[in-house]
N, C-alpha and C. Protein backbone atom coordinates (compact mmCIF):
# COMPACT_ATOMS: atom_id res chain seq x y z
N MET A 1 0.85 -1.18 0.00
CA MET A 1 0.00 0.00 0.00
C MET A 1 0.90 1.25 0.00
N ILE A 2 0.52 2.24 -0.80
CA ILE A 2 1.35 3.45 -0.95
C ILE A 2 0.90 4.60 -0.06
N TRP A 3 -0.25 4.48 0.58
CA TRP A 3 -0.82 5.60 1.34
C TRP A 3 -0.11 5.80 2.67
N PHE A 4 0.07 7.07 3.06
CA PHE A 4 0.71 7.37 4.35
C PHE A 4 -0.15 6.87 5.50
N ARG A 5 -1.46 7.07 5.39
CA ARG A 5 -2.39 6.56 6.40
C ARG A 5 -3.68 6.15 5.70
N LYS A 6 -4.50 5.42 6.42
CA LYS A 6 -5.75 4.94 5.85
C LYS A 6 -6.79 6.07 5.89
N TYR A 7 -7.38 6.35 4.75
CA TYR A 7 -8.44 7.34 4.62
C TYR A 7 -9.74 6.63 4.28
N THR A 8 -10.86 7.27 4.62
CA THR A 8 -12.16 6.75 4.18
C THR A 8 -12.66 7.62 3.04
N LEU A 9 -13.50 7.04 2.20
CA LEU A 9 -14.10 7.83 1.12
C LEU A 9 -14.91 8.99 1.70
N GLY A 10 -15.59 8.76 2.80
CA GLY A 10 -16.40 9.81 3.41
C GLY A 10 -15.58 11.02 3.81
N GLU A 11 -14.45 10.81 4.46
CA GLU A 11 -13.65 11.96 4.89
C GLU A 11 -13.02 12.67 3.70
N LEU A 12 -12.62 11.94 2.68
CA LEU A 12 -12.05 12.58 1.50
C LEU A 12 -13.12 13.36 0.73
N ASN A 13 -14.28 12.75 0.51
CA ASN A 13 -15.34 13.44 -0.22
C ASN A 13 -15.82 14.68 0.53
N ALA A 14 -15.79 14.65 1.86
CA ALA A 14 -16.22 15.82 2.65
C ALA A 14 -15.31 17.02 2.41
N LEU A 15 -14.04 16.79 2.06
CA LEU A 15 -13.12 17.90 1.79
C LEU A 15 -13.55 18.70 0.56
N SER A 16 -14.37 18.10 -0.30
CA SER A 16 -14.78 18.74 -1.55
C SER A 16 -16.05 19.57 -1.42
N ASP A 17 -16.69 19.57 -0.27
CA ASP A 17 -17.92 20.35 -0.09
C ASP A 17 -17.68 21.81 -0.47
N GLU A 18 -18.62 22.36 -1.24
CA GLU A 18 -18.60 23.77 -1.64
C GLU A 18 -17.33 24.14 -2.41
N THR A 19 -16.89 23.26 -3.30
CA THR A 19 -15.73 23.53 -4.15
C THR A 19 -16.10 23.23 -5.60
N LEU A 20 -15.18 23.48 -6.51
CA LEU A 20 -15.37 23.10 -7.91
C LEU A 20 -15.67 21.61 -8.02
N VAL A 21 -15.02 20.83 -7.20
CA VAL A 21 -15.19 19.37 -7.23
C VAL A 21 -16.66 19.01 -7.00
N SER A 22 -17.26 19.57 -5.97
CA SER A 22 -18.67 19.25 -5.70
C SER A 22 -19.58 19.87 -6.76
N HIS A 23 -19.23 21.04 -7.26
CA HIS A 23 -20.04 21.68 -8.30
C HIS A 23 -20.11 20.82 -9.56
N LEU A 24 -19.02 20.15 -9.91
CA LEU A 24 -18.99 19.31 -11.10
C LEU A 24 -19.57 17.91 -10.83
N GLY A 25 -19.90 17.62 -9.59
CA GLY A 25 -20.46 16.32 -9.26
C GLY A 25 -19.43 15.21 -9.15
N ILE A 26 -18.17 15.58 -8.96
CA ILE A 26 -17.12 14.58 -8.83
C ILE A 26 -17.23 13.91 -7.47
N GLU A 27 -17.11 12.59 -7.48
CA GLU A 27 -17.20 11.80 -6.25
C GLU A 27 -16.11 10.73 -6.27
N LEU A 28 -15.38 10.63 -5.17
CA LEU A 28 -14.40 9.55 -5.02
C LEU A 28 -15.17 8.29 -4.67
N ILE A 29 -14.84 7.18 -5.35
CA ILE A 29 -15.65 5.97 -5.16
C ILE A 29 -14.87 4.74 -4.73
N GLU A 30 -13.54 4.74 -4.85
CA GLU A 30 -12.79 3.55 -4.46
C GLU A 30 -11.34 3.91 -4.15
N ILE A 31 -10.87 3.37 -3.04
CA ILE A 31 -9.46 3.49 -2.67
C ILE A 31 -8.88 2.08 -2.70
N GLY A 32 -7.93 1.86 -3.61
CA GLY A 32 -7.24 0.57 -3.68
C GLY A 32 -5.89 0.66 -3.00
N ASP A 33 -5.13 -0.41 -3.00
CA ASP A 33 -3.80 -0.39 -2.39
C ASP A 33 -2.87 0.58 -3.10
N ASP A 34 -3.08 0.79 -4.41
CA ASP A 34 -2.17 1.66 -5.17
C ASP A 34 -2.91 2.54 -6.17
N PHE A 35 -4.20 2.76 -5.97
CA PHE A 35 -4.96 3.62 -6.88
C PHE A 35 -6.10 4.31 -6.14
N LEU A 36 -6.57 5.39 -6.75
CA LEU A 36 -7.75 6.11 -6.29
C LEU A 36 -8.67 6.28 -7.48
N ARG A 37 -9.95 5.99 -7.29
CA ARG A 37 -10.92 6.05 -8.39
C ARG A 37 -12.05 7.01 -8.02
N GLY A 38 -12.49 7.76 -9.04
CA GLY A 38 -13.61 8.68 -8.86
C GLY A 38 -14.42 8.77 -10.13
N ARG A 39 -15.61 9.34 -10.01
CA ARG A 39 -16.48 9.47 -11.18
C ARG A 39 -17.07 10.87 -11.24
N MET A 40 -17.55 11.19 -12.44
CA MET A 40 -18.15 12.50 -12.69
C MET A 40 -19.28 12.30 -13.71
N PRO A 41 -20.41 12.96 -13.48
CA PRO A 41 -21.51 12.86 -14.45
C PRO A 41 -21.21 13.66 -15.71
N VAL A 42 -21.75 13.20 -16.81
CA VAL A 42 -21.71 13.97 -18.05
C VAL A 42 -23.10 14.59 -18.16
N ASP A 43 -23.20 15.85 -17.73
CA ASP A 43 -24.49 16.54 -17.70
C ASP A 43 -24.27 18.03 -17.97
N GLU A 44 -25.27 18.84 -17.67
CA GLU A 44 -25.20 20.27 -17.99
C GLU A 44 -24.04 20.98 -17.31
N ARG A 45 -23.50 20.41 -16.24
CA ARG A 45 -22.36 21.02 -15.54
C ARG A 45 -21.03 20.73 -16.22
N THR A 46 -20.97 19.66 -17.01
CA THR A 46 -19.68 19.17 -17.48
C THR A 46 -19.56 19.07 -19.00
N VAL A 47 -20.59 19.52 -19.72
CA VAL A 47 -20.50 19.46 -21.19
C VAL A 47 -20.20 20.84 -21.76
N GLN A 48 -19.69 20.85 -22.98
CA GLN A 48 -19.46 22.09 -23.71
C GLN A 48 -20.68 22.36 -24.61
N PRO A 49 -20.72 23.49 -25.30
CA PRO A 49 -21.92 23.86 -26.07
C PRO A 49 -22.38 22.81 -27.10
N ALA A 50 -21.47 21.98 -27.60
CA ALA A 50 -21.87 20.93 -28.54
C ALA A 50 -22.46 19.71 -27.81
N ARG A 51 -22.60 19.83 -26.48
CA ARG A 51 -23.17 18.78 -25.63
C ARG A 51 -22.28 17.55 -25.50
N LEU A 52 -20.98 17.74 -25.69
CA LEU A 52 -19.98 16.70 -25.44
C LEU A 52 -19.26 17.02 -24.15
N LEU A 53 -18.73 16.00 -23.49
CA LEU A 53 -17.95 16.22 -22.29
C LEU A 53 -16.87 17.26 -22.57
N HIS A 54 -16.82 18.28 -21.75
CA HIS A 54 -15.85 19.37 -21.89
C HIS A 54 -14.46 18.86 -21.50
N GLY A 55 -13.47 19.16 -22.32
CA GLY A 55 -12.10 18.75 -22.01
C GLY A 55 -11.62 19.28 -20.67
N GLY A 56 -12.04 20.49 -20.35
CA GLY A 56 -11.65 21.07 -19.06
C GLY A 56 -12.25 20.32 -17.89
N ALA A 57 -13.45 19.77 -18.06
CA ALA A 57 -14.06 18.96 -17.01
C ALA A 57 -13.27 17.67 -16.81
N SER A 58 -12.83 17.08 -17.92
CA SER A 58 -11.99 15.88 -17.81
C SER A 58 -10.69 16.20 -17.07
N VAL A 59 -10.09 17.32 -17.37
CA VAL A 59 -8.86 17.72 -16.70
C VAL A 59 -9.14 17.99 -15.22
N ALA A 60 -10.27 18.59 -14.91
CA ALA A 60 -10.63 18.83 -13.50
C ALA A 60 -10.77 17.50 -12.76
N LEU A 61 -11.40 16.51 -13.39
CA LEU A 61 -11.51 15.19 -12.77
C LEU A 61 -10.12 14.59 -12.56
N ALA A 62 -9.28 14.66 -13.58
CA ALA A 62 -7.93 14.10 -13.49
C ALA A 62 -7.12 14.78 -12.38
N GLU A 63 -7.14 16.11 -12.34
CA GLU A 63 -6.37 16.82 -11.33
C GLU A 63 -6.91 16.55 -9.93
N THR A 64 -8.21 16.43 -9.82
CA THR A 64 -8.82 16.11 -8.52
C THR A 64 -8.33 14.76 -8.02
N LEU A 65 -8.41 13.75 -8.87
CA LEU A 65 -7.99 12.41 -8.46
C LEU A 65 -6.51 12.36 -8.14
N GLY A 66 -5.68 12.95 -8.99
CA GLY A 66 -4.24 12.95 -8.75
C GLY A 66 -3.87 13.72 -7.49
N SER A 67 -4.54 14.84 -7.26
CA SER A 67 -4.23 15.65 -6.08
C SER A 67 -4.64 14.95 -4.79
N PHE A 68 -5.83 14.35 -4.78
CA PHE A 68 -6.24 13.60 -3.59
C PHE A 68 -5.29 12.44 -3.34
N ALA A 69 -4.93 11.71 -4.39
CA ALA A 69 -4.01 10.59 -4.23
C ALA A 69 -2.66 11.08 -3.70
N ALA A 70 -2.19 12.20 -4.22
CA ALA A 70 -0.90 12.74 -3.78
C ALA A 70 -0.93 13.10 -2.30
N LEU A 71 -1.99 13.74 -1.84
CA LEU A 71 -2.03 14.13 -0.43
C LEU A 71 -2.15 12.92 0.48
N MET A 72 -2.72 11.83 -0.03
CA MET A 72 -2.83 10.61 0.76
C MET A 72 -1.48 9.94 0.98
N CYS A 73 -0.47 10.33 0.20
CA CYS A 73 0.86 9.71 0.27
C CYS A 73 1.84 10.45 1.16
N VAL A 74 1.42 11.54 1.78
CA VAL A 74 2.34 12.31 2.63
C VAL A 74 1.76 12.51 4.02
N ASP A 75 2.64 12.78 4.96
CA ASP A 75 2.25 13.15 6.32
C ASP A 75 1.85 14.62 6.29
N LEU A 76 0.55 14.89 6.31
CA LEU A 76 0.06 16.25 6.14
C LEU A 76 0.42 17.18 7.29
N GLU A 77 0.88 16.64 8.40
CA GLU A 77 1.34 17.51 9.49
C GLU A 77 2.72 18.07 9.18
N LYS A 78 3.47 17.39 8.32
CA LYS A 78 4.83 17.81 7.99
C LYS A 78 4.99 18.30 6.56
N LYS A 79 4.14 17.80 5.66
CA LYS A 79 4.32 18.11 4.24
C LYS A 79 3.00 18.53 3.61
N GLY A 80 3.13 19.23 2.49
CA GLY A 80 1.98 19.60 1.68
C GLY A 80 2.28 19.27 0.24
N ILE A 81 1.25 19.35 -0.58
CA ILE A 81 1.44 19.12 -2.01
C ILE A 81 0.73 20.24 -2.77
N VAL A 82 1.25 20.54 -3.95
CA VAL A 82 0.63 21.53 -4.82
C VAL A 82 0.89 21.12 -6.27
N GLY A 83 -0.14 21.26 -7.09
CA GLY A 83 0.01 20.89 -8.50
C GLY A 83 1.01 21.78 -9.21
N GLN A 84 1.81 21.18 -10.08
CA GLN A 84 2.78 21.93 -10.88
C GLN A 84 2.42 21.91 -12.35
N GLU A 85 1.96 20.75 -12.83
CA GLU A 85 1.67 20.63 -14.26
C GLU A 85 0.65 19.52 -14.45
N VAL A 86 -0.28 19.77 -15.37
CA VAL A 86 -1.25 18.75 -15.74
C VAL A 86 -1.39 18.78 -17.26
N ASN A 87 -1.47 17.61 -17.86
CA ASN A 87 -1.74 17.56 -19.30
C ASN A 87 -2.75 16.46 -19.56
N ALA A 88 -3.38 16.52 -20.71
CA ALA A 88 -4.41 15.54 -21.03
C ALA A 88 -4.50 15.35 -22.53
N ASN A 89 -4.75 14.12 -22.92
CA ASN A 89 -5.07 13.80 -24.30
C ASN A 89 -6.50 13.28 -24.30
N HIS A 90 -7.35 13.95 -25.06
CA HIS A 90 -8.76 13.56 -25.16
C HIS A 90 -8.89 12.61 -26.35
N LEU A 91 -9.38 11.41 -26.08
CA LEU A 91 -9.34 10.33 -27.06
C LEU A 91 -10.68 9.98 -27.67
N LYS A 92 -11.76 10.20 -26.93
CA LYS A 92 -13.07 9.78 -27.39
C LYS A 92 -14.12 10.71 -26.80
N ALA A 93 -15.11 11.08 -27.60
CA ALA A 93 -16.18 11.95 -27.13
C ALA A 93 -17.15 11.18 -26.23
N VAL A 94 -17.73 11.90 -25.26
CA VAL A 94 -18.75 11.33 -24.39
C VAL A 94 -19.94 12.28 -24.39
N ARG A 95 -21.13 11.75 -24.61
CA ARG A 95 -22.34 12.57 -24.68
C ARG A 95 -23.25 12.44 -23.47
N GLN A 96 -23.14 11.33 -22.75
CA GLN A 96 -24.05 11.10 -21.63
C GLN A 96 -23.45 10.08 -20.68
N GLY A 97 -24.11 9.91 -19.55
CA GLY A 97 -23.67 8.91 -18.57
C GLY A 97 -22.70 9.48 -17.57
N THR A 98 -21.71 8.69 -17.24
CA THR A 98 -20.67 9.12 -16.30
C THR A 98 -19.32 8.75 -16.89
N VAL A 99 -18.30 9.39 -16.38
CA VAL A 99 -16.93 8.99 -16.68
C VAL A 99 -16.26 8.64 -15.35
N THR A 100 -15.38 7.66 -15.41
CA THR A 100 -14.70 7.18 -14.21
C THR A 100 -13.20 7.27 -14.44
N GLY A 101 -12.52 7.89 -13.49
CA GLY A 101 -11.08 8.05 -13.59
C GLY A 101 -10.36 7.25 -12.53
N THR A 102 -9.18 6.76 -12.89
CA THR A 102 -8.34 6.01 -11.96
C THR A 102 -6.95 6.63 -11.96
N ALA A 103 -6.49 7.03 -10.77
CA ALA A 103 -5.16 7.63 -10.61
C ALA A 103 -4.21 6.60 -10.02
N ARG A 104 -3.04 6.45 -10.67
CA ARG A 104 -1.99 5.55 -10.19
C ARG A 104 -0.66 6.30 -10.23
N ALA A 105 0.15 6.06 -9.23
CA ALA A 105 1.45 6.73 -9.14
C ALA A 105 2.41 6.21 -10.19
N ILE A 106 3.13 7.14 -10.81
CA ILE A 106 4.26 6.81 -11.67
C ILE A 106 5.55 7.02 -10.88
N HIS A 107 5.57 8.09 -10.06
CA HIS A 107 6.76 8.44 -9.27
C HIS A 107 6.31 9.04 -7.95
N LEU A 108 6.84 8.52 -6.85
CA LEU A 108 6.57 9.07 -5.52
C LEU A 108 7.89 9.44 -4.88
N GLY A 109 8.30 10.68 -5.10
CA GLY A 109 9.58 11.14 -4.57
C GLY A 109 9.39 12.05 -3.36
N GLY A 110 10.49 12.42 -2.76
CA GLY A 110 10.46 13.30 -1.60
C GLY A 110 10.07 14.72 -1.94
N ARG A 111 10.31 15.14 -3.18
CA ARG A 111 10.00 16.51 -3.59
C ARG A 111 8.98 16.61 -4.70
N SER A 112 8.68 15.50 -5.34
CA SER A 112 7.67 15.53 -6.41
C SER A 112 7.00 14.17 -6.53
N GLN A 113 5.82 14.21 -7.10
CA GLN A 113 5.08 13.00 -7.44
C GLN A 113 4.55 13.17 -8.85
N VAL A 114 4.43 12.06 -9.57
CA VAL A 114 3.83 12.07 -10.90
C VAL A 114 2.75 11.01 -10.91
N TRP A 115 1.57 11.41 -11.38
CA TRP A 115 0.39 10.54 -11.39
C TRP A 115 -0.14 10.36 -12.81
N ASP A 116 -0.52 9.12 -13.12
CA ASP A 116 -1.18 8.77 -14.38
C ASP A 116 -2.67 8.63 -14.07
N ILE A 117 -3.50 9.34 -14.81
CA ILE A 117 -4.95 9.27 -14.59
C ILE A 117 -5.61 8.88 -15.91
N ARG A 118 -6.33 7.78 -15.88
CA ARG A 118 -7.03 7.27 -17.06
C ARG A 118 -8.52 7.37 -16.82
N ILE A 119 -9.21 8.01 -17.76
CA ILE A 119 -10.65 8.24 -17.64
C ILE A 119 -11.37 7.41 -18.69
N GLU A 120 -12.39 6.68 -18.24
CA GLU A 120 -13.16 5.80 -19.12
C GLU A 120 -14.64 6.17 -19.10
N ASN A 121 -15.34 5.80 -20.18
CA ASN A 121 -16.79 6.00 -20.23
C ASN A 121 -17.49 4.80 -19.59
N ASP A 122 -18.82 4.81 -19.60
CA ASP A 122 -19.58 3.73 -18.98
C ASP A 122 -19.32 2.38 -19.62
N ALA A 123 -18.89 2.36 -20.87
CA ALA A 123 -18.59 1.10 -21.57
C ALA A 123 -17.16 0.62 -21.31
N GLY A 124 -16.41 1.36 -20.50
CA GLY A 124 -15.04 0.97 -20.20
C GLY A 124 -14.02 1.39 -21.26
N LYS A 125 -14.44 2.24 -22.19
CA LYS A 125 -13.53 2.73 -23.23
C LYS A 125 -12.80 3.96 -22.72
N MET A 126 -11.48 4.02 -22.95
CA MET A 126 -10.72 5.17 -22.49
C MET A 126 -11.10 6.41 -23.30
N VAL A 127 -11.41 7.49 -22.59
CA VAL A 127 -11.78 8.74 -23.25
C VAL A 127 -10.74 9.84 -23.03
N CYS A 128 -9.89 9.67 -22.01
CA CYS A 128 -8.88 10.69 -21.73
C CYS A 128 -7.75 10.04 -20.93
N ILE A 129 -6.53 10.42 -21.24
CA ILE A 129 -5.39 10.02 -20.43
C ILE A 129 -4.68 11.30 -20.01
N SER A 130 -4.33 11.37 -18.74
CA SER A 130 -3.77 12.59 -18.20
C SER A 130 -2.58 12.26 -17.31
N ARG A 131 -1.70 13.23 -17.15
CA ARG A 131 -0.58 13.11 -16.23
C ARG A 131 -0.53 14.36 -15.38
N LEU A 132 -0.37 14.17 -14.08
CA LEU A 132 -0.30 15.27 -13.12
C LEU A 132 1.02 15.18 -12.37
N THR A 133 1.74 16.31 -12.32
CA THR A 133 2.95 16.42 -11.50
C THR A 133 2.64 17.35 -10.34
N VAL A 134 2.97 16.90 -9.14
CA VAL A 134 2.78 17.74 -7.96
C VAL A 134 4.12 17.93 -7.25
N ALA A 135 4.28 19.09 -6.64
CA ALA A 135 5.44 19.35 -5.79
C ALA A 135 5.09 18.96 -4.37
N VAL A 136 6.05 18.38 -3.68
CA VAL A 136 5.92 18.04 -2.26
C VAL A 136 6.78 19.02 -1.50
N PHE A 137 6.20 19.71 -0.52
CA PHE A 137 6.98 20.72 0.22
C PHE A 137 6.84 20.50 1.73
N GLU A 138 7.84 21.00 2.44
CA GLU A 138 7.84 20.95 3.91
C GLU A 138 6.95 22.07 4.45
N ARG A 139 6.08 21.73 5.39
CA ARG A 139 5.26 22.76 6.05
C ARG A 139 6.13 23.49 7.08
N ARG A 140 5.85 24.78 7.24
CA ARG A 140 6.62 25.59 8.22
C ARG A 140 5.82 25.81 9.46
């Protein structure tokens, strides 16, 4: 297991109250030994004018999952994390349903972490692949 301590989905999801995360309907749904999974609806909050899933919404889901996973890997009394770079390749359009993202660590270093986030549609087809780099810093 890569997590610094055991978290519950309830406590993690509560951190998103009254944020962009809750506004977009993003919900964390599974914590594995080495991954974090969440989902987001494809609805009026997350589509672009052509009624397709907005690329920015996919990136928001990816950054949310990677950031939560990153903070779960550090002692928050001593360290913090902050996003440095996020990129995404949009592979397939989504018009309805939900998308589910899974974040897995590529690199867990003392000063940085790199996360791979893969987003799939309800049929299990990959619609977006993203990478998030976060800085790990000492709290003062």
